[in-house]
C-alpha cells in the first residue's frame, strides 16, 4: 500500500505537469499535432529518466555509500542542472509565460502529501525520524502554505516580490530537506543513527530524489522566471486572466 501511494503521487504529478504544458500550448494556439508531440516527449523523457534510475538502483550502484556520494551526483544533481539550463534558455518563451502564475505555486502543495508518506515510511522502518515532520523536515509547512500563497497569486494585484520571496524560501526548505535526506544516508552519525536502510534506494521510494524533489525545484524556478518578467510587464494580470478564461472554456 505504501509503495502504491508513492506511485499514485507520481502519476498524479505527471498528469498535472502534462496538463500545465497542454494549457499553455493551447493558450498560444500551438497546432494540435505539435502539442501531442511535445507532451509525448515530456512523458517519455521523465519515464526514461526514471527507468535509468531503476536500472542503476537494481545494479546496486546506490548501495555503495562511499564518497563521492552517488545518490546526489547521479540522481539529484543532473535534474537540478537541467532545470537551471532549460529555464535560463527558455526564460522568454511565450509558452512558459502562458502558464497562469498561481499554478506552479499551488503545485508545491504536494509536499504536504509527501511528508505524510515520509511518516508512514518511517513507521515501516525504512526512513529515519529526522527526514519526517516529526524530526528536522519542515517541508509540510511549505506544502500547506502553497495553497494559500497560490490563492493570493491568483489575484491580479498580487505582489511579485512577495511571491519571489516565498519561492526562494521554498528552495531553501528543499535544500535543507535534501541535506537531511543525504546526510542520513552518508553521515548517519550526525543524527545518532545506525546504518541506513537501503530499501529507500529502490523503486518506488527513489522517486523522491529522482522526481519529487527536482520537480519542486523546477516549479520554484519557473515561478521566479515568470514573476521576474512580471515586474517589468503586466504578465501576472495577463497570466491570471488567461487561467480564468481557459477555466471557463473547459
C-alpha atoms as a PDB file:
ATOM      1  CA  UNK A   1       0.000   0.000   0.000  1.00  0.00           C
ATOM      2  CA  UNK A   2       2.846   2.407   0.843  1.00  0.00           C
ATOM      3  CA  UNK A   3       4.581   1.701  -2.458  1.00  0.00           C
ATOM      4  CA  UNK A   4       1.311   2.231  -4.318  1.00  0.00           C
ATOM      5  CA  UNK A   5       0.912   5.650  -2.651  1.00  0.00           C
ATOM      6  CA  UNK A   6       4.306   6.780  -3.983  1.00  0.00           C
ATOM      7  CA  UNK A   7       3.410   5.602  -7.483  1.00  0.00           C
ATOM      8  CA  UNK A   8      -0.025   7.245  -7.307  1.00  0.00           C
ATOM      9  CA  UNK A   9       1.519  10.572  -6.309  1.00  0.00           C
ATOM     10  CA  UNK A  10       3.989  10.289  -9.195  1.00  0.00           C
ATOM     11  CA  UNK A  11       1.205   9.591 -11.687  1.00  0.00           C
ATOM     12  CA  UNK A  12      -0.839  12.486 -10.310  1.00  0.00           C
ATOM     13  CA  UNK A  13       2.030  14.973 -10.558  1.00  0.00           C
ATOM     14  CA  UNK A  14       2.907  13.823 -14.064  1.00  0.00           C
ATOM     15  CA  UNK A  15      -0.715  14.389 -15.003  1.00  0.00           C
ATOM     16  CA  UNK A  16      -0.525  17.923 -13.578  1.00  0.00           C
ATOM     17  CA  UNK A  17       2.699  18.669 -15.467  1.00  0.00           C
ATOM     18  CA  UNK A  18       1.248  17.438 -18.771  1.00  0.00           C
ATOM     19  CA  UNK A  19      -1.938  19.413 -18.126  1.00  0.00           C
ATOM     20  CA  UNK A  20       0.098  22.558 -17.462  1.00  0.00           C
ATOM     21  CA  UNK A  21       2.018  22.106 -20.713  1.00  0.00           C
ATOM     22  CA  UNK A  22      -1.187  21.491 -22.681  1.00  0.00           C
ATOM     23  CA  UNK A  23      -2.849  24.505 -21.065  1.00  0.00           C
ATOM     24  CA  UNK A  24      -0.005  26.806 -22.081  1.00  0.00           C
ATOM     25  CA  UNK A  25       0.276  25.423 -25.620  1.00  0.00           C
ATOM     26  CA  UNK A  26      -3.463  25.697 -26.097  1.00  0.00           C
ATOM     27  CA  UNK A  27      -3.359  29.323 -25.000  1.00  0.00           C
ATOM     28  CA  UNK A  28      -0.589  30.027 -27.514  1.00  0.00           C
ATOM     29  CA  UNK A  29      -2.595  28.209 -30.210  1.00  0.00           C
ATOM     30  CA  UNK A  30       0.115  25.646 -30.855  1.00  0.00           C
ATOM     31  CA  UNK A  31      -1.043  23.143 -33.523  1.00  0.00           C
ATOM     32  CA  UNK A  32      -2.625  20.043 -32.041  1.00  0.00           C
ATOM     33  CA  UNK A  33      -0.091  17.714 -33.670  1.00  0.00           C
ATOM     34  CA  UNK A  34       2.763  19.719 -32.131  1.00  0.00           C
ATOM     35  CA  UNK A  35       1.040  19.681 -28.738  1.00  0.00           C
ATOM     36  CA  UNK A  36       0.787  15.906 -28.828  1.00  0.00           C
ATOM     37  CA  UNK A  37       4.402  15.506 -29.907  1.00  0.00           C
ATOM     38  CA  UNK A  38       5.685  17.749 -27.117  1.00  0.00           C
ATOM     39  CA  UNK A  39       3.527  16.074 -24.482  1.00  0.00           C
ATOM     40  CA  UNK A  40       4.785  12.648 -25.558  1.00  0.00           C
ATOM     41  CA  UNK A  41       8.368  13.982 -25.433  1.00  0.00           C
ATOM     42  CA  UNK A  42       7.866  15.212 -21.860  1.00  0.00           C
ATOM     43  CA  UNK A  43       6.296  11.926 -20.765  1.00  0.00           C
ATOM     44  CA  UNK A  44       8.910   9.716 -22.409  1.00  0.00           C
ATOM     45  CA  UNK A  45      11.707  11.927 -21.101  1.00  0.00           C
ATOM     46  CA  UNK A  46      10.540  11.576 -17.498  1.00  0.00           C
ATOM     47  CA  UNK A  47       9.802   7.851 -17.805  1.00  0.00           C
ATOM     48  CA  UNK A  48      13.171   7.292 -19.462  1.00  0.00           C
ATOM     49  CA  UNK A  49      14.927   9.088 -16.605  1.00  0.00           C
ATOM     50  CA  UNK A  50      13.063   7.002 -14.019  1.00  0.00           C
ATOM     51  CA  UNK A  51      13.917   3.818 -15.940  1.00  0.00           C
ATOM     52  CA  UNK A  52      17.620   4.750 -15.839  1.00  0.00           C
ATOM     53  CA  UNK A  53      17.417   5.312 -12.082  1.00  0.00           C
ATOM     54  CA  UNK A  54      15.669   1.980 -11.550  1.00  0.00           C
ATOM     55  CA  UNK A  55      18.394   0.246 -13.592  1.00  0.00           C
ATOM     56  CA  UNK A  56      21.168   1.915 -11.562  1.00  0.00           C
ATOM     57  CA  UNK A  57      19.427   1.031  -8.317  1.00  0.00           C
ATOM     58  CA  UNK A  58      18.859  -2.575  -9.368  1.00  0.00           C
ATOM     59  CA  UNK A  59      22.535  -2.841 -10.297  1.00  0.00           C
ATOM     60  CA  UNK A  60      23.418  -1.828  -6.730  1.00  0.00           C
ATOM     61  CA  UNK A  61      25.087   1.448  -7.724  1.00  0.00           C
ATOM     62  CA  UNK A  62      23.302   3.374  -4.973  1.00  0.00           C
ATOM     63  CA  UNK A  63      24.044   0.773  -2.316  1.00  0.00           C
ATOM     64  CA  UNK A  64      27.655   1.973  -2.226  1.00  0.00           C
ATOM     65  CA  UNK A  65      27.680   4.769   0.357  1.00  0.00           C
ATOM     66  CA  UNK A  66      31.339   5.648  -0.065  1.00  0.00           C
ATOM     67  CA  UNK A  67      32.406   9.121  -1.206  1.00  0.00           C
ATOM     68  CA  UNK A  68      31.883  10.827  -3.579  1.00  0.00           C
ATOM     69  CA  UNK A  69      28.157  10.330  -2.868  1.00  0.00           C
ATOM     70  CA  UNK A  70      26.466   8.613  -5.793  1.00  0.00           C
ATOM     71  CA  UNK A  71      22.856   9.470  -4.964  1.00  0.00           C
ATOM     72  CA  UNK A  72      23.194  13.270  -5.173  1.00  0.00           C
ATOM     73  CA  UNK A  73      25.665  13.129  -8.075  1.00  0.00           C
ATOM     74  CA  UNK A  74      23.791  10.656 -10.282  1.00  0.00           C
ATOM     75  CA  UNK A  75      20.197  11.008  -9.134  1.00  0.00           C
ATOM     76  CA  UNK A  76      19.670  14.604  -7.989  1.00  0.00           C
ATOM     77  CA  UNK A  77      22.293  16.923  -9.494  1.00  0.00           C
ATOM     78  CA  UNK A  78      21.568  16.154 -13.189  1.00  0.00           C
ATOM     79  CA  UNK A  79      17.949  17.262 -12.888  1.00  0.00           C
ATOM     80  CA  UNK A  80      18.873  20.384 -10.945  1.00  0.00           C
ATOM     81  CA  UNK A  81      21.303  21.316 -13.720  1.00  0.00           C
ATOM     82  CA  UNK A  82      18.624  20.571 -16.326  1.00  0.00           C
ATOM     83  CA  UNK A  83      16.132  22.842 -14.559  1.00  0.00           C
ATOM     84  CA  UNK A  84      18.579  25.762 -14.419  1.00  0.00           C
ATOM     85  CA  UNK A  85      19.740  25.368 -18.028  1.00  0.00           C
ATOM     86  CA  UNK A  86      16.281  24.757 -19.513  1.00  0.00           C
ATOM     87  CA  UNK A  87      14.619  27.686 -17.774  1.00  0.00           C
ATOM     88  CA  UNK A  88      17.532  30.020 -18.459  1.00  0.00           C
ATOM     89  CA  UNK A  89      17.456  29.226 -22.166  1.00  0.00           C
ATOM     90  CA  UNK A  90      13.668  29.480 -22.368  1.00  0.00           C
ATOM     91  CA  UNK A  91      13.035  32.328 -19.927  1.00  0.00           C
ATOM     92  CA  UNK A  92      11.483  34.418 -22.714  1.00  0.00           C
ATOM     93  CA  UNK A  93       9.368  31.569 -24.072  1.00  0.00           C
ATOM     94  CA  UNK A  94       5.727  32.667 -24.537  1.00  0.00           C
ATOM     95  CA  UNK A  95       4.590  29.158 -23.624  1.00  0.00           C
ATOM     96  CA  UNK A  96       6.233  29.294 -20.184  1.00  0.00           C
ATOM     97  CA  UNK A  97       4.659  32.664 -19.511  1.00  0.00           C
ATOM     98  CA  UNK A  98       1.267  31.459 -20.734  1.00  0.00           C
ATOM     99  CA  UNK A  99       1.041  29.224 -17.660  1.00  0.00           C
ATOM    100  CA  UNK A 100      -1.151  31.013 -15.078  1.00  0.00           C
ATOM    101  CA  UNK A 101       1.016  32.478 -12.319  1.00  0.00           C
ATOM    102  CA  UNK A 102      -0.656  30.597  -9.483  1.00  0.00           C
ATOM    103  CA  UNK A 103      -0.335  27.062 -10.910  1.00  0.00           C
ATOM    104  CA  UNK A 104       3.418  26.436 -10.310  1.00  0.00           C
ATOM    105  CA  UNK A 105       2.887  27.754  -6.776  1.00  0.00           C
ATOM    106  CA  UNK A 106      -0.107  25.553  -5.970  1.00  0.00           C
ATOM    107  CA  UNK A 107       1.856  22.609  -7.396  1.00  0.00           C
ATOM    108  CA  UNK A 108       4.087  22.799  -4.314  1.00  0.00           C
ATOM    109  CA  UNK A 109       1.189  21.656  -2.126  1.00  0.00           C
ATOM    110  CA  UNK A 110       2.154  18.070  -2.991  1.00  0.00           C
ATOM    111  CA  UNK A 111       4.978  18.465  -0.482  1.00  0.00           C
ATOM    112  CA  UNK A 112       2.489  18.207   2.373  1.00  0.00           C
ATOM    113  CA  UNK A 113       1.363  14.868   0.930  1.00  0.00           C
ATOM    114  CA  UNK A 114       4.902  13.552   0.543  1.00  0.00           C
ATOM    115  CA  UNK A 115       5.615  14.392   4.163  1.00  0.00           C
ATOM    116  CA  UNK A 116       2.687  12.215   5.223  1.00  0.00           C
ATOM    117  CA  UNK A 117       4.135   9.416   3.089  1.00  0.00           C
ATOM    118  CA  UNK A 118       7.505  10.002   4.735  1.00  0.00           C
ATOM    119  CA  UNK A 119       5.961   9.496   8.161  1.00  0.00           C
ATOM    120  CA  UNK A 120       4.483   6.140   7.183  1.00  0.00           C
ATOM    121  CA  UNK A 121       7.776   5.209   5.521  1.00  0.00           C
ATOM    122  CA  UNK A 122       9.449   5.941   8.863  1.00  0.00           C
ATOM    123  CA  UNK A 123       6.858   3.785  10.647  1.00  0.00           C
ATOM    124  CA  UNK A 124       7.728   0.988   8.204  1.00  0.00           C
ATOM    125  CA  UNK A 125      11.356   1.269   9.358  1.00  0.00           C
ATOM    126  CA  UNK A 126      12.688   2.491   6.013  1.00  0.00           C
ATOM    127  CA  UNK A 127      13.415   6.151   6.850  1.00  0.00           C
ATOM    128  CA  UNK A 128      14.884   7.760   9.981  1.00  0.00           C
ATOM    129  CA  UNK A 129      12.730  10.139  12.014  1.00  0.00           C
ATOM    130  CA  UNK A 130      14.720  13.278  11.096  1.00  0.00           C
ATOM    131  CA  UNK A 131      13.551  13.254   7.460  1.00  0.00           C
ATOM    132  CA  UNK A 132       9.902  13.462   8.566  1.00  0.00           C
ATOM    133  CA  UNK A 133       7.892  16.328  10.052  1.00  0.00           C
ATOM    134  CA  UNK A 134       8.484  14.637  13.390  1.00  0.00           C
ATOM    135  CA  UNK A 135      12.179  15.414  13.033  1.00  0.00           C
ATOM    136  CA  UNK A 136      14.001  18.121  11.110  1.00  0.00           C
ATOM    137  CA  UNK A 137      11.940  18.297   7.908  1.00  0.00           C
ATOM    138  CA  UNK A 138       9.613  21.311   7.631  1.00  0.00           C
ATOM    139  CA  UNK A 139       8.517  20.729   4.049  1.00  0.00           C
ATOM    140  CA  UNK A 140       4.983  20.013   5.231  1.00  0.00           C
ATOM    141  CA  UNK A 141       4.587  23.661   6.277  1.00  0.00           C
ATOM    142  CA  UNK A 142       5.728  24.871   2.867  1.00  0.00           C
ATOM    143  CA  UNK A 143       3.297  22.475   1.204  1.00  0.00           C
ATOM    144  CA  UNK A 144       0.367  23.756   3.257  1.00  0.00           C
ATOM    145  CA  UNK A 145       1.343  27.388   2.671  1.00  0.00           C
ATOM    146  CA  UNK A 146       1.412  26.759  -1.109  1.00  0.00           C
ATOM    147  CA  UNK A 147      -2.379  26.535  -1.137  1.00  0.00           C
ATOM    148  CA  UNK A 148      -2.832  29.942   0.462  1.00  0.00           C
ATOM    149  CA  UNK A 149       0.009  31.597  -1.438  1.00  0.00           C
ATOM    150  CA  UNK A 150      -1.446  30.186  -4.654  1.00  0.00           C
ATOM    151  CA  UNK A 151      -4.819  31.752  -3.853  1.00  0.00           C
ATOM    152  CA  UNK A 152      -3.047  35.055  -3.252  1.00  0.00           C
ATOM    153  CA  UNK A 153      -1.111  34.702  -6.525  1.00  0.00           C
ATOM    154  CA  UNK A 154      -4.430  34.205  -8.344  1.00  0.00           C
ATOM    155  CA  UNK A 155      -5.258  37.838  -7.599  1.00  0.00           C
ATOM    156  CA  UNK A 156      -4.304  40.328 -10.301  1.00  0.00           C
ATOM    157  CA  UNK A 157      -2.841  42.676  -7.657  1.00  0.00           C
ATOM    158  CA  UNK A 158      -0.542  40.058  -6.119  1.00  0.00           C
ATOM    159  CA  UNK A 159       2.957  41.326  -5.312  1.00  0.00           C
ATOM    160  CA  UNK A 160       5.612  39.637  -7.492  1.00  0.00           C
ATOM    161  CA  UNK A 161       8.322  40.493  -4.950  1.00  0.00           C
ATOM    162  CA  UNK A 162       6.435  38.754  -2.147  1.00  0.00           C
ATOM    163  CA  UNK A 163       5.843  35.688  -4.304  1.00  0.00           C
ATOM    164  CA  UNK A 164       9.501  35.568  -5.327  1.00  0.00           C
ATOM    165  CA  UNK A 165      10.494  35.703  -1.654  1.00  0.00           C
ATOM    166  CA  UNK A 166       8.180  32.758  -0.937  1.00  0.00           C
ATOM    167  CA  UNK A 167       9.742  30.784  -3.798  1.00  0.00           C
ATOM    168  CA  UNK A 168      13.247  31.475  -2.507  1.00  0.00           C
ATOM    169  CA  UNK A 169      12.143  30.283   0.928  1.00  0.00           C
ATOM    170  CA  UNK A 170      10.719  27.162  -0.703  1.00  0.00           C
ATOM    171  CA  UNK A 171      14.028  26.440  -2.431  1.00  0.00           C
ATOM    172  CA  UNK A 172      15.838  26.862   0.891  1.00  0.00           C
ATOM    173  CA  UNK A 173      13.441  24.404   2.546  1.00  0.00           C
ATOM    174  CA  UNK A 174      14.058  21.888  -0.254  1.00  0.00           C
ATOM    175  CA  UNK A 175      17.796  22.391   0.201  1.00  0.00           C
ATOM    176  CA  UNK A 176      17.607  21.710   3.918  1.00  0.00           C
ATOM    177  CA  UNK A 177      15.390  18.673   3.334  1.00  0.00           C
ATOM    178  CA  UNK A 178      17.904  17.398   0.761  1.00  0.00           C
ATOM    179  CA  UNK A 179      20.744  17.873   3.257  1.00  0.00           C
ATOM    180  CA  UNK A 180      18.790  15.965   5.901  1.00  0.00           C
ATOM    181  CA  UNK A 181      17.990  13.171   3.471  1.00  0.00           C
ATOM    182  CA  UNK A 182      21.524  12.825   2.056  1.00  0.00           C
ATOM    183  CA  UNK A 183      23.311  13.151   5.399  1.00  0.00           C
ATOM    184  CA  UNK A 184      21.036  10.477   6.860  1.00  0.00           C
ATOM    185  CA  UNK A 185      22.453   8.046   4.306  1.00  0.00           C
ATOM    186  CA  UNK A 186      26.095   9.106   4.071  1.00  0.00           C
ATOM    187  CA  UNK A 187      26.720  10.551   7.541  1.00  0.00           C
ATOM    188  CA  UNK A 188      24.140   8.910   9.835  1.00  0.00           C
ATOM    189  CA  UNK A 189      26.343   9.585  12.858  1.00  0.00           C
ATOM    190  CA  UNK A 190      25.360  13.270  12.591  1.00  0.00           C
ATOM    191  CA  UNK A 191      21.878  12.259  13.674  1.00  0.00           C
ATOM    192  CA  UNK A 192      22.985   9.495  16.019  1.00  0.00           C
ATOM    193  CA  UNK A 193      21.694   6.785  13.703  1.00  0.00           C
ATOM    194  CA  UNK A 194      23.000   3.369  12.839  1.00  0.00           C
ATOM    195  CA  UNK A 195      23.477   2.209   9.251  1.00  0.00           C
ATOM    196  CA  UNK A 196      20.657   3.479   6.972  1.00  0.00           C
ATOM    197  CA  UNK A 197      18.051   1.218   5.417  1.00  0.00           C
ATOM    198  CA  UNK A 198      18.997   0.921   1.742  1.00  0.00           C
ATOM    199  CA  UNK A 199      15.433  -0.048   0.813  1.00  0.00           C
ATOM    200  CA  UNK A 200      14.762   3.621   0.158  1.00  0.00           C
ATOM    201  CA  UNK A 201      17.136   3.442  -2.817  1.00  0.00           C
ATOM    202  CA  UNK A 202      14.689   1.138  -4.555  1.00  0.00           C
ATOM    203  CA  UNK A 203      11.635   1.906  -6.664  1.00  0.00           C
ATOM    204  CA  UNK A 204       9.197   3.492  -5.919  1.00  0.00           C
ATOM    205  CA  UNK A 205      10.922   5.233  -2.982  1.00  0.00           C
ATOM    206  CA  UNK A 206      13.694   6.537  -5.252  1.00  0.00           C
ATOM    207  CA  UNK A 207      11.045   8.758  -6.865  1.00  0.00           C
ATOM    208  CA  UNK A 208      11.745  11.231  -4.068  1.00  0.00           C
ATOM    209  CA  UNK A 209      15.284  12.259  -5.112  1.00  0.00           C
ATOM    210  CA  UNK A 210      14.835  11.449  -8.804  1.00  0.00           C
ATOM    211  CA  UNK A 211      11.490  13.184  -9.402  1.00  0.00           C
ATOM    212  CA  UNK A 212       9.623  14.742  -6.467  1.00  0.00           C
ATOM    213  CA  UNK A 213      12.462  16.902  -5.165  1.00  0.00           C
ATOM    214  CA  UNK A 214      13.700  18.089  -8.606  1.00  0.00           C
ATOM    215  CA  UNK A 215      10.144  18.846  -9.752  1.00  0.00           C
ATOM    216  CA  UNK A 216       9.667  21.081  -6.700  1.00  0.00           C
ATOM    217  CA  UNK A 217      12.855  22.991  -7.566  1.00  0.00           C
ATOM    218  CA  UNK A 218      11.806  23.243 -11.224  1.00  0.00           C
ATOM    219  CA  UNK A 219       8.421  24.738 -10.307  1.00  0.00           C
ATOM    220  CA  UNK A 220      10.023  27.228  -7.920  1.00  0.00           C
ATOM    221  CA  UNK A 221      12.449  28.362 -10.618  1.00  0.00           C
ATOM    222  CA  UNK A 222       9.664  28.518 -13.212  1.00  0.00           C
ATOM    223  CA  UNK A 223       7.617  30.676 -10.882  1.00  0.00           C
ATOM    224  CA  UNK A 224      10.574  33.008 -10.274  1.00  0.00           C
ATOM    225  CA  UNK A 225      11.167  33.340 -14.038  1.00  0.00           C
ATOM    226  CA  UNK A 226       7.517  34.262 -14.521  1.00  0.00           C
ATOM    227  CA  UNK A 227       7.467  36.710 -11.633  1.00  0.00           C
ATOM    228  CA  UNK A 228      10.708  38.458 -12.583  1.00  0.00           C
ATOM    229  CA  UNK A 229       9.285  39.102 -16.019  1.00  0.00           C
ATOM    230  CA  UNK A 230       6.067  40.344 -14.464  1.00  0.00           C
ATOM    231  CA  UNK A 231       7.996  43.011 -12.573  1.00  0.00           C
ATOM    232  CA  UNK A 232       8.739  44.621 -15.944  1.00  0.00           C
ATOM    233  CA  UNK A 233       5.364  43.956 -17.560  1.00  0.00           C
ATOM    234  CA  UNK A 234       1.784  43.194 -16.575  1.00  0.00           C
ATOM    235  CA  UNK A 235       2.389  39.461 -17.059  1.00  0.00           C
ATOM    236  CA  UNK A 236       0.673  38.399 -13.797  1.00  0.00           C
ATOM    237  CA  UNK A 237      -2.548  40.111 -14.887  1.00  0.00           C
ATOM    238  CA  UNK A 238      -2.420  38.505 -18.313  1.00  0.00           C
ATOM    239  CA  UNK A 239      -1.457  35.085 -16.980  1.00  0.00           C
ATOM    240  CA  UNK A 240      -4.176  35.030 -14.354  1.00  0.00           C
ATOM    241  CA  UNK A 241      -6.768  36.313 -16.795  1.00  0.00           C
ATOM    242  CA  UNK A 242      -5.660  33.576 -19.206  1.00  0.00           C
ATOM    243  CA  UNK A 243      -6.163  30.981 -16.500  1.00  0.00           C
ATOM    244  CA  UNK A 244      -9.678  32.249 -15.762  1.00  0.00           C
ATOM    245  CA  UNK A 245     -10.589  32.312 -19.462  1.00  0.00           C
ATOM    246  CA  UNK A 246      -9.388  28.787 -20.113  1.00  0.00           C
ATOM    247  CA  UNK A 247     -11.052  27.514 -16.933  1.00  0.00           C
ATOM    248  CA  UNK A 248     -14.367  28.897 -18.161  1.00  0.00           C
ATOM    249  CA  UNK A 249     -13.901  27.319 -21.563  1.00  0.00           C
ATOM    250  CA  UNK A 250     -13.145  23.916 -20.028  1.00  0.00           C
END
